[in-house]
Amino acid sequence: MEFTEKDIARFWGKVDRRGDDECWPWLGSTRSAEGYGQFNIRGVLISAHRLMMMFLIGGNIPPGEGHHGTCVLHSCDNRWCVNPAHLRMGTQSENQREMAEKGRGRGPGLCGEKHGNHKLTAALVLEIRSHPEISGIEFSRRFGLEKSTVHKARRGTHWKHLPSATELLMGR
């Protein structure tokens, strides 16, 4: 894919370029489900971190093996980061292995704060469960959470590995 100077200038306008070792947050739009930055070039959406890699190598990312082809991996684990010092090319297998080693992602054995999509901490879940007199709406307002997130934590639909509200109340 060819890039114009205008494409490149637009891209950099959406990057919060900080110190060399820090993450460079993507300020543009994201794929909401995954949180990866995305950039539109002439009707084609490209992940922001992949586009940064394309700028780095001066062209398209080589196809690579397997269903996913060549992946662009983050050493910092921040999906929104586009700092080239934090990016490298690799395989899907490498990415999955690193996720497991670092205890992030989704899958068996990854619960609570180890789950890649967690919104709460164990301490906050225990606080929610310990205070049935405070409404879920109030907790959601206090902590900027969805009501359903608080409800699932309180009812034990999520965070099953922690003591239930009943167990906490009986232990008082």
Protein backbone atom coordinates (compact mmCIF):
# COMPACT_ATOMS: atom_id res chain seq x y z
CA MET A 1 0.00 0.00 0.00
CA GLU A 2 1.29 3.42 -0.92
CA PHE A 3 1.03 6.30 1.56
CA THR A 4 0.80 9.98 0.72
CA GLU A 5 2.37 12.70 2.82
CA LYS A 6 -1.17 13.65 3.79
CA ASP A 7 -1.83 10.07 5.06
CA ILE A 8 1.34 10.14 7.13
CA ALA A 9 0.58 13.60 8.57
CA ARG A 10 -2.97 12.52 9.47
CA PHE A 11 -1.59 9.40 11.18
CA TRP A 12 0.93 11.34 13.30
CA GLY A 13 -1.84 13.76 14.27
CA LYS A 14 -3.47 10.88 16.11
CA VAL A 15 -0.39 9.79 18.09
CA ASP A 16 0.54 11.12 21.53
CA ARG A 17 4.29 10.88 21.05
CA ARG A 18 5.95 10.77 24.45
CA GLY A 19 9.39 9.70 25.64
CA ASP A 20 11.25 7.06 23.63
CA ASP A 21 10.63 4.33 26.24
CA GLU A 22 7.02 5.26 27.03
CA CYS A 23 3.89 3.98 25.31
CA TRP A 24 2.64 6.28 22.57
CA PRO A 25 -1.15 6.27 22.93
CA TRP A 26 -3.27 6.14 19.78
CA LEU A 27 -5.74 9.02 19.97
CA GLY A 28 -7.82 8.08 16.93
CA SER A 29 -10.67 5.64 16.62
CA THR A 30 -10.45 2.08 17.93
CA ARG A 31 -12.07 -1.25 17.29
CA SER A 32 -14.17 -1.09 20.43
CA ALA A 33 -14.31 -4.83 21.06
CA GLU A 34 -10.52 -5.22 21.10
CA GLY A 35 -9.26 -1.70 21.82
CA TYR A 36 -6.74 -1.64 18.96
CA GLY A 37 -6.34 1.67 17.16
CA GLN A 38 -7.53 1.83 13.58
CA PHE A 39 -6.77 4.19 10.72
CA ASN A 40 -8.64 4.71 7.46
CA ILE A 41 -6.62 5.12 4.27
CA ARG A 42 -8.81 5.60 1.22
CA GLY A 43 -11.58 3.40 2.62
CA VAL A 44 -9.30 0.67 3.99
CA LEU A 45 -9.16 0.26 7.78
CA ILE A 46 -5.72 -0.71 9.05
CA SER A 47 -4.75 -1.37 12.66
CA ALA A 48 -2.69 1.59 13.86
CA HIS A 49 0.12 -0.58 15.27
CA ARG A 50 0.35 -2.54 11.99
CA LEU A 51 0.47 0.72 10.04
CA MET A 52 3.30 1.95 12.27
CA MET A 53 5.19 -1.26 11.46
CA MET A 54 4.55 -0.66 7.75
CA PHE A 55 6.03 2.84 8.09
CA LEU A 56 9.03 1.33 9.91
CA ILE A 57 9.81 -1.29 7.28
CA GLY A 58 8.86 0.94 4.37
CA GLY A 59 6.11 -1.22 2.91
CA ASN A 60 3.70 -4.07 3.45
CA ILE A 61 4.13 -6.56 6.28
CA PRO A 62 5.30 -9.90 4.84
CA PRO A 63 2.51 -12.51 4.68
CA GLY A 64 4.00 -15.09 7.06
CA GLU A 65 2.76 -18.59 7.78
CA GLY A 66 -0.53 -19.79 9.23
CA HIS A 67 -4.05 -18.44 9.22
CA HIS A 68 -3.11 -15.10 10.82
CA GLY A 69 0.07 -14.53 8.83
CA THR A 70 2.64 -12.18 10.30
CA CYS A 71 1.42 -10.46 13.47
CA VAL A 72 2.65 -7.24 15.02
CA LEU A 73 3.27 -7.89 18.72
CA HIS A 74 3.36 -5.35 21.57
CA SER A 75 6.15 -5.81 24.14
CA CYS A 76 4.26 -3.38 26.42
CA ASP A 77 0.93 -5.27 26.22
CA ASN A 78 -0.93 -2.01 25.50
CA ARG A 79 -3.15 -2.51 22.47
CA TRP A 80 -3.43 1.23 21.89
CA CYS A 81 0.36 1.79 21.86
CA VAL A 82 2.03 2.64 18.54
CA ASN A 83 5.57 3.31 19.81
CA PRO A 84 7.79 1.53 17.27
CA ALA A 85 10.20 0.58 20.07
CA HIS A 86 7.39 -1.53 21.58
CA LEU A 87 6.45 -3.32 18.35
CA ARG A 88 7.91 -6.30 16.56
CA MET A 89 6.80 -8.80 13.97
CA GLY A 90 6.04 -12.34 15.05
CA THR A 91 3.65 -15.23 14.68
CA GLN A 92 0.24 -15.87 16.21
CA SER A 93 1.82 -18.75 18.17
CA GLU A 94 4.40 -16.39 19.68
CA ASN A 95 1.67 -13.92 20.56
CA GLN A 96 -0.44 -16.61 22.25
CA ARG A 97 2.57 -17.98 24.13
CA GLU A 98 3.53 -14.51 25.40
CA MET A 99 -0.06 -13.87 26.48
CA ALA A 100 -0.07 -17.07 28.53
CA GLU A 101 3.37 -16.39 30.03
CA LYS A 102 2.31 -12.90 31.09
CA GLY A 103 -1.06 -14.07 32.42
CA ARG A 104 -3.17 -11.95 30.11
CA GLY A 105 -5.73 -12.72 27.49
CA ARG A 106 -8.81 -14.88 27.73
CA GLY A 107 -8.96 -18.56 28.32
CA PRO A 108 -8.93 -21.34 30.87
CA GLY A 109 -7.34 -20.36 34.16
CA LEU A 110 -7.38 -16.65 33.37
CA CYS A 111 -9.88 -15.22 35.80
CA GLY A 112 -10.17 -12.01 37.76
CA GLU A 113 -7.34 -9.57 37.21
CA LYS A 114 -5.49 -12.11 35.04
CA HIS A 115 -8.28 -11.97 32.48
CA GLY A 116 -7.38 -9.65 29.62
CA ASN A 117 -10.74 -7.84 29.69
CA HIS A 118 -11.11 -7.30 33.44
CA LYS A 119 -12.73 -4.01 34.47
CA LEU A 120 -12.63 -4.57 38.23
CA THR A 121 -10.08 -5.49 40.84
CA ALA A 122 -10.54 -8.20 43.45
CA ALA A 123 -10.62 -5.51 46.15
CA LEU A 124 -13.42 -3.65 44.40
CA VAL A 125 -15.45 -6.83 43.88
CA LEU A 126 -15.11 -7.63 47.60
CA GLU A 127 -16.21 -4.10 48.46
CA ILE A 128 -19.24 -4.38 46.18
CA ARG A 129 -20.18 -7.73 47.71
CA SER A 130 -19.61 -6.50 51.28
CA HIS A 131 -22.06 -3.60 50.95
CA PRO A 132 -25.48 -4.81 49.82
CA GLU A 133 -26.98 -1.58 51.17
CA ILE A 134 -25.25 0.38 48.38
CA SER A 135 -27.06 0.01 45.07
CA GLY A 136 -25.38 -1.28 41.95
CA ILE A 137 -26.25 2.02 40.30
CA GLU A 138 -24.38 3.91 43.01
CA PHE A 139 -21.30 1.68 42.61
CA SER A 140 -21.43 2.06 38.84
CA ARG A 141 -21.55 5.88 39.20
CA ARG A 142 -18.76 5.97 41.79
CA PHE A 143 -16.36 3.87 39.74
CA GLY A 144 -17.45 4.65 36.16
CA LEU A 145 -18.63 1.12 35.47
CA GLU A 146 -21.51 -0.37 33.55
CA LYS A 147 -24.39 -1.40 35.81
CA SER A 148 -24.22 -4.92 34.38
CA THR A 149 -20.53 -5.21 35.38
CA VAL A 150 -21.40 -4.39 39.00
CA HIS A 151 -24.44 -6.69 38.91
CA LYS A 152 -22.43 -9.67 37.59
CA ALA A 153 -19.72 -9.10 40.21
CA ARG A 154 -22.24 -8.84 43.04
CA ARG A 155 -24.28 -11.88 41.98
CA GLY A 156 -21.21 -14.03 41.38
CA THR A 157 -21.80 -14.49 37.66
CA HIS A 158 -18.23 -13.21 37.28
CA TRP A 159 -15.39 -13.35 39.81
CA LYS A 160 -16.61 -16.77 41.01
CA HIS A 161 -13.25 -17.47 42.65
CA LEU A 162 -13.91 -14.80 45.32
CA PRO A 163 -16.17 -15.24 48.36
CA SER A 164 -19.84 -14.56 47.71
CA ALA A 165 -21.76 -11.72 49.36
CA THR A 166 -23.37 -14.24 51.72
CA GLU A 167 -20.00 -15.69 52.72
CA LEU A 168 -18.62 -12.21 53.34
CA LEU A 169 -21.63 -11.16 55.42
CA MET A 170 -21.55 -14.34 57.51
CA GLY A 171 -17.85 -13.82 58.15
CA ARG A 172 -18.43 -10.39 59.70
